[in-house]
């Protein structure tokens, strides 16, 4: 369940972390979350897909999308990897570009700056690996990058050591729009995707049926097939209820309520996965599942 936030000043949003290979994107995400959810390696193709991590703060929920390293791609695989990264820029609230102070990559940086053109959301720059360069080289780097793009903020840091990360989070938080959290308080990542997809659908079922449906609703994701070539995810899920009357409420007149649940859920899932989604929902009555040990285990409780 998405937690109730009492403060009116709460902020939430999606943040894409982009950069050249080995700029430290995954290291930064792991540092922010305090957990290793995104693998790291010196090989530029280590991260091939988006990894989503949720940072919960007292006044905000920050949903990070860690993307593959952008480089001059050769071959179908590398081209798709770069496409994955650049596509993430299309529908987020904030973009964090990471640059490697110790080992700059001018070709990749040029590609990245070009990709930032015409973006409507704010863009910040993190100059990473300050621990590996002379202190007097940081200011010239800031001046150089300032001439490349109109960044909202430019912040030096060391993702590996943690220097400057707290300040970065505070500034990023200030650039997020006001709004409630997207994910439950115990969600850390989109691994597995099935769980988060189920939670989104369950939330929409709650919100769109109001007080008509008790909290005896569970969702299982029956199929989850990704089609990278089509930039599409095909998902089939079942909404489980305990009584026939609940099934009727979920479906609605001529299926209108179920269609609305599906439409709203699909929008959030597409934001979460950063890809198009084909979502098909079913409704099934499973008598008293909330009191059935086997059913509880199956539904992840």
Protein backbone atom coordinates (compact mmCIF):
# COMPACT_ATOMS: atom_id res chain seq x y z
CA UNK A 1 0.00 0.00 0.00
CA UNK A 2 1.22 3.49 -0.81
CA UNK A 3 1.71 5.27 2.52
CA UNK A 4 -0.42 8.25 3.52
CA UNK A 5 1.64 11.41 3.59
CA UNK A 6 0.34 14.10 5.93
CA UNK A 7 2.59 16.94 4.93
CA UNK A 8 1.52 19.21 2.09
CA UNK A 9 5.14 19.85 1.17
CA UNK A 10 5.90 16.30 0.07
CA UNK A 11 7.65 15.93 -3.30
CA UNK A 12 8.03 12.95 -5.59
CA UNK A 13 9.35 12.30 -9.06
CA UNK A 14 11.31 10.20 -11.50
CA UNK A 15 15.01 10.95 -11.98
CA UNK A 16 17.02 9.51 -14.88
CA UNK A 17 20.71 9.02 -14.19
CA UNK A 18 22.64 9.16 -17.46
CA UNK A 19 26.29 9.29 -18.37
CA UNK A 20 29.16 7.68 -20.21
CA UNK A 21 30.21 4.11 -19.35
CA UNK A 22 31.93 3.89 -15.98
CA UNK A 23 30.87 7.38 -14.94
CA UNK A 24 29.64 5.91 -11.66
CA UNK A 25 25.86 5.87 -12.20
CA UNK A 26 25.24 2.49 -10.61
CA UNK A 27 27.68 3.25 -7.80
CA UNK A 28 25.78 6.43 -7.02
CA UNK A 29 22.40 4.66 -7.03
CA UNK A 30 23.68 1.94 -4.72
CA UNK A 31 25.15 4.60 -2.44
CA UNK A 32 21.85 6.51 -2.30
CA UNK A 33 19.77 3.43 -1.59
CA UNK A 34 22.24 1.89 0.82
CA UNK A 35 21.80 -1.40 -1.03
CA UNK A 36 23.50 -2.95 -4.05
CA UNK A 37 20.70 -3.32 -6.57
CA UNK A 38 22.57 -2.29 -9.69
CA UNK A 39 25.61 -4.30 -10.71
CA UNK A 40 28.82 -2.43 -11.36
CA UNK A 41 31.82 -3.29 -13.49
CA UNK A 42 34.53 -1.67 -15.53
CA UNK A 43 32.97 -3.18 -18.64
CA UNK A 44 30.80 -0.59 -20.40
CA UNK A 45 27.97 -3.02 -21.18
CA UNK A 46 27.46 -4.20 -17.59
CA UNK A 47 24.13 -2.40 -17.27
CA UNK A 48 22.02 -3.32 -20.27
CA UNK A 49 18.61 -2.36 -18.94
CA UNK A 50 17.09 0.29 -16.75
CA UNK A 51 17.39 -0.39 -13.04
CA UNK A 52 14.89 1.44 -10.90
CA UNK A 53 15.60 2.33 -7.29
CA UNK A 54 13.35 4.14 -4.83
CA UNK A 55 14.84 6.46 -2.22
CA UNK A 56 12.51 7.31 0.65
CA UNK A 57 13.14 10.60 2.44
CA UNK A 58 11.10 12.43 5.10
CA UNK A 59 9.91 15.04 2.61
CA UNK A 60 10.15 13.18 -0.69
CA UNK A 61 10.22 9.97 -2.64
CA UNK A 62 12.88 9.92 -5.34
CA UNK A 63 12.51 7.27 -8.02
CA UNK A 64 15.84 6.81 -9.80
CA UNK A 65 16.27 5.19 -13.18
CA UNK A 66 19.84 3.94 -13.63
CA UNK A 67 20.56 3.69 -17.34
CA UNK A 68 23.23 1.97 -19.44
CA UNK A 69 26.30 3.99 -20.31
CA UNK A 70 26.00 6.14 -23.41
CA UNK A 71 28.79 5.64 -25.92
CA UNK A 72 29.36 5.59 -29.68
CA UNK A 73 27.63 2.32 -30.31
CA UNK A 74 28.77 -0.33 -32.76
CA UNK A 75 26.66 -3.41 -33.42
CA UNK A 76 23.00 -4.11 -32.71
CA UNK A 77 23.41 -4.87 -29.02
CA UNK A 78 25.35 -1.73 -28.18
CA UNK A 79 22.96 0.36 -30.28
CA UNK A 80 20.02 -0.97 -28.32
CA UNK A 81 21.85 -0.40 -25.05
CA UNK A 82 22.36 3.25 -25.93
CA UNK A 83 18.75 3.54 -27.11
CA UNK A 84 17.63 2.24 -23.72
CA UNK A 85 19.58 4.97 -21.96
CA UNK A 86 18.45 7.84 -24.16
CA UNK A 87 14.81 6.76 -24.14
CA UNK A 88 14.78 7.25 -20.37
CA UNK A 89 15.07 10.99 -20.91
CA UNK A 90 11.64 11.19 -22.46
CA UNK A 91 9.35 11.05 -19.47
CA UNK A 92 11.04 11.95 -16.20
CA UNK A 93 10.87 14.88 -13.81
CA UNK A 94 14.61 15.43 -13.54
CA UNK A 95 17.74 14.30 -15.37
CA UNK A 96 21.04 13.82 -13.57
CA UNK A 97 23.98 13.72 -15.95
CA UNK A 98 27.10 12.16 -14.46
CA UNK A 99 30.55 12.98 -15.77
CA UNK A 100 33.79 11.24 -14.86
CA UNK A 101 36.42 13.78 -13.75
CA UNK A 102 39.16 11.15 -13.64
CA UNK A 103 38.60 9.63 -17.09
CA UNK A 104 36.53 11.94 -19.30
CA UNK A 105 34.93 10.53 -22.44
CA UNK A 106 34.58 13.45 -24.90
CA UNK A 107 32.72 11.47 -27.63
CA UNK A 108 30.16 10.12 -25.15
CA UNK A 109 29.84 13.49 -23.44
CA UNK A 110 29.13 15.13 -26.78
CA UNK A 111 26.38 12.59 -27.48
CA UNK A 112 24.88 13.19 -24.06
CA UNK A 113 24.84 16.96 -24.31
CA UNK A 114 23.15 16.69 -27.70
CA UNK A 115 20.54 14.34 -26.21
CA UNK A 116 19.71 16.97 -23.59
CA UNK A 117 18.58 19.45 -26.23
CA UNK A 118 14.87 20.31 -26.14
CA UNK A 119 14.31 18.60 -22.79
CA UNK A 120 11.60 20.33 -20.78
CA UNK A 121 12.60 18.93 -17.40
CA UNK A 122 15.46 20.32 -15.29
CA UNK A 123 18.94 18.85 -15.85
CA UNK A 124 21.62 18.67 -13.17
CA UNK A 125 25.27 17.70 -13.55
CA UNK A 126 27.24 15.58 -11.10
CA UNK A 127 31.00 15.73 -11.55
CA UNK A 128 32.01 12.37 -10.13
CA UNK A 129 35.27 10.92 -8.76
CA UNK A 130 36.57 14.05 -7.04
CA UNK A 131 38.58 11.66 -4.87
CA UNK A 132 40.70 10.72 -7.88
CA UNK A 133 41.65 14.15 -9.20
CA UNK A 134 43.56 17.15 -7.79
CA UNK A 135 41.32 19.55 -5.90
CA UNK A 136 42.41 22.48 -8.08
CA UNK A 137 41.07 20.73 -11.19
CA UNK A 138 37.43 20.71 -10.07
CA UNK A 139 36.68 24.42 -10.56
CA UNK A 140 38.02 24.47 -14.15
CA UNK A 141 35.86 21.42 -14.89
CA UNK A 142 32.80 23.23 -13.57
CA UNK A 143 33.57 26.22 -15.78
CA UNK A 144 34.04 23.98 -18.83
CA UNK A 145 30.77 22.15 -18.33
CA UNK A 146 28.91 25.40 -17.64
CA UNK A 147 29.67 26.42 -21.20
CA UNK A 148 28.28 23.21 -22.66
CA UNK A 149 24.74 23.30 -21.29
CA UNK A 150 22.51 25.38 -19.02
CA UNK A 151 22.50 23.00 -16.07
CA UNK A 152 20.28 23.89 -13.14
CA UNK A 153 23.02 22.81 -10.78
CA UNK A 154 26.57 21.47 -11.07
CA UNK A 155 27.74 19.46 -8.08
CA UNK A 156 31.12 17.75 -7.53
CA UNK A 157 31.02 14.46 -5.64
CA UNK A 158 32.53 11.06 -5.07
CA UNK A 159 29.92 8.34 -5.39
CA UNK A 160 32.37 5.72 -4.17
CA UNK A 161 33.40 7.61 -1.04
CA UNK A 162 30.01 9.27 -0.49
CA UNK A 163 31.42 12.81 -0.49
CA UNK A 164 28.82 15.33 -1.68
CA UNK A 165 26.02 12.75 -2.10
CA UNK A 166 23.88 14.10 0.76
CA UNK A 167 24.07 17.61 -0.67
CA UNK A 168 23.19 16.29 -4.11
CA UNK A 169 20.06 14.60 -2.77
CA UNK A 170 18.92 17.76 -1.03
CA UNK A 171 19.28 19.83 -4.19
CA UNK A 172 17.61 17.20 -6.39
CA UNK A 173 14.71 17.03 -3.96
CA UNK A 174 14.13 20.76 -4.35
CA UNK A 175 13.69 20.34 -8.11
CA UNK A 176 11.01 17.65 -7.87
CA UNK A 177 7.32 18.53 -8.24
CA UNK A 178 4.95 18.35 -5.27
CA UNK A 179 3.04 15.09 -5.09
CA UNK A 180 2.39 11.84 -3.21
CA UNK A 181 4.70 8.83 -3.31
CA UNK A 182 4.51 6.43 -6.24
CA UNK A 183 5.57 3.30 -4.35
CA UNK A 184 5.01 1.63 -0.98
CA UNK A 185 7.35 2.59 1.83
CA UNK A 186 9.12 -0.78 1.73
CA UNK A 187 9.82 -0.74 -2.02
CA UNK A 188 13.47 -0.39 -2.93
CA UNK A 189 13.71 -1.48 -6.53
CA UNK A 190 11.92 -2.94 -9.52
CA UNK A 191 13.51 -6.31 -8.94
CA UNK A 192 11.36 -8.23 -9.53
CA UNK A 193 9.28 -6.17 -11.88
CA UNK A 194 6.30 -8.43 -11.28
CA UNK A 195 5.91 -7.29 -7.71
CA UNK A 196 5.86 -3.57 -8.53
CA UNK A 197 3.49 -4.10 -11.44
CA UNK A 198 1.12 -5.99 -9.15
CA UNK A 199 1.30 -3.21 -6.57
CA UNK A 200 0.43 -0.54 -9.14
CA UNK A 201 -2.61 -2.48 -10.31
CA UNK A 202 -3.73 -3.11 -6.75
CA UNK A 203 -3.41 0.58 -5.92
CA UNK A 204 -5.57 1.56 -8.90
CA UNK A 205 -8.19 -0.99 -7.89
CA UNK A 206 -8.29 0.58 -4.42
CA UNK A 207 -8.38 4.17 -5.62
CA UNK A 208 -10.95 3.71 -8.37
CA UNK A 209 -13.41 1.70 -6.30
CA UNK A 210 -13.22 3.92 -3.23
CA UNK A 211 -14.88 2.42 -0.18
CA UNK A 212 -16.78 -0.13 -2.26
CA UNK A 213 -13.99 -2.69 -2.17
CA UNK A 214 -12.40 -3.81 1.11
CA UNK A 215 -8.68 -4.49 1.29
CA UNK A 216 -9.26 -8.12 0.36
CA UNK A 217 -7.84 -7.59 -3.11
CA UNK A 218 -4.68 -9.27 -4.38
CA UNK A 219 -2.97 -9.10 -7.74
CA UNK A 220 -0.81 -11.67 -9.45
CA UNK A 221 1.17 -11.08 -12.62
CA UNK A 222 0.56 -14.13 -14.79
CA UNK A 223 2.80 -13.28 -17.73
CA UNK A 224 5.51 -10.66 -18.19
CA UNK A 225 7.15 -10.71 -21.58
CA UNK A 226 9.57 -8.04 -22.73
CA UNK A 227 10.04 -7.36 -26.42
CA UNK A 228 13.08 -5.03 -26.60
CA UNK A 229 12.96 -4.80 -30.39
CA UNK A 230 9.44 -3.35 -30.17
CA UNK A 231 10.18 -1.43 -26.95
CA UNK A 232 7.16 -3.16 -25.48
CA UNK A 233 6.25 -5.18 -22.40
CA UNK A 234 3.27 -7.53 -22.57
CA UNK A 235 1.71 -8.10 -19.18
CA UNK A 236 -1.26 -10.19 -18.11
CA UNK A 237 -2.43 -9.94 -14.52
CA UNK A 238 -5.28 -11.19 -12.38
CA UNK A 239 -7.11 -9.21 -9.72
CA UNK A 240 -8.24 -11.63 -7.02
CA UNK A 241 -11.26 -10.90 -4.85
CA UNK A 242 -13.13 -12.97 -2.29
CA UNK A 243 -16.78 -12.60 -3.38
CA UNK A 244 -18.82 -12.39 -6.56
CA UNK A 245 -20.16 -8.99 -5.52
CA UNK A 246 -16.62 -7.64 -5.34
CA UNK A 247 -15.90 -9.01 -8.80
CA UNK A 248 -18.87 -7.09 -10.17
CA UNK A 249 -17.66 -3.84 -8.62
CA UNK A 250 -14.14 -4.29 -9.99
CA UNK A 251 -15.44 -5.00 -13.48
CA UNK A 252 -18.07 -2.25 -13.45
CA UNK A 253 -20.88 -1.63 -15.90
CA UNK A 254 -19.98 -3.17 -19.24
CA UNK A 255 -16.39 -3.53 -18.01
CA UNK A 256 -15.90 0.22 -17.57
CA UNK A 257 -14.25 0.07 -14.15
CA UNK A 258 -11.79 -2.63 -15.13
CA UNK A 259 -10.87 -0.69 -18.27
CA UNK A 260 -10.22 2.40 -16.14
CA UNK A 261 -8.09 0.43 -13.69
CA UNK A 262 -6.10 -0.97 -16.59
CA UNK A 263 -5.65 2.39 -18.30
CA UNK A 264 -4.45 4.16 -15.15
CA UNK A 265 -2.19 1.28 -14.16
CA UNK A 266 -0.67 1.08 -17.62
CA UNK A 267 0.37 4.75 -17.50
CA UNK A 268 2.23 4.29 -14.21
CA UNK A 269 3.78 1.02 -15.32
CA UNK A 270 5.04 2.63 -18.51
CA UNK A 271 6.70 5.36 -16.44
CA UNK A 272 8.18 2.76 -14.15
CA UNK A 273 9.51 0.53 -16.91
CA UNK A 274 10.23 3.38 -19.33
CA UNK A 275 8.70 1.41 -22.19
CA UNK A 276 5.34 0.90 -23.83
CA UNK A 277 3.09 -1.59 -22.07
CA UNK A 278 0.30 -3.85 -23.26
CA UNK A 279 -1.70 -4.69 -20.14
CA UNK A 280 -4.52 -7.23 -19.96
CA UNK A 281 -6.44 -7.71 -16.71
CA UNK A 282 -8.63 -10.53 -15.46
CA UNK A 283 -10.77 -10.74 -12.32
CA UNK A 284 -11.09 -13.95 -10.36
CA UNK A 285 -13.04 -14.90 -7.27
CA UNK A 286 -11.06 -16.96 -4.78
CA UNK A 287 -13.23 -17.53 -1.75
CA UNK A 288 -11.74 -16.21 1.48
CA UNK A 289 -8.21 -16.11 0.09
CA UNK A 290 -7.14 -13.75 2.88
CA UNK A 291 -7.67 -16.58 5.34
CA UNK A 292 -6.06 -19.28 3.21
CA UNK A 293 -2.42 -19.96 4.08
CA UNK A 294 -1.60 -21.34 0.65
CA UNK A 295 -3.26 -18.42 -1.12
CA UNK A 296 -1.45 -15.91 1.11
CA UNK A 297 1.86 -17.53 0.27
CA UNK A 298 1.04 -17.51 -3.43
CA UNK A 299 0.14 -13.84 -3.34
CA UNK A 300 3.36 -12.96 -1.59
CA UNK A 301 2.11 -12.35 1.92
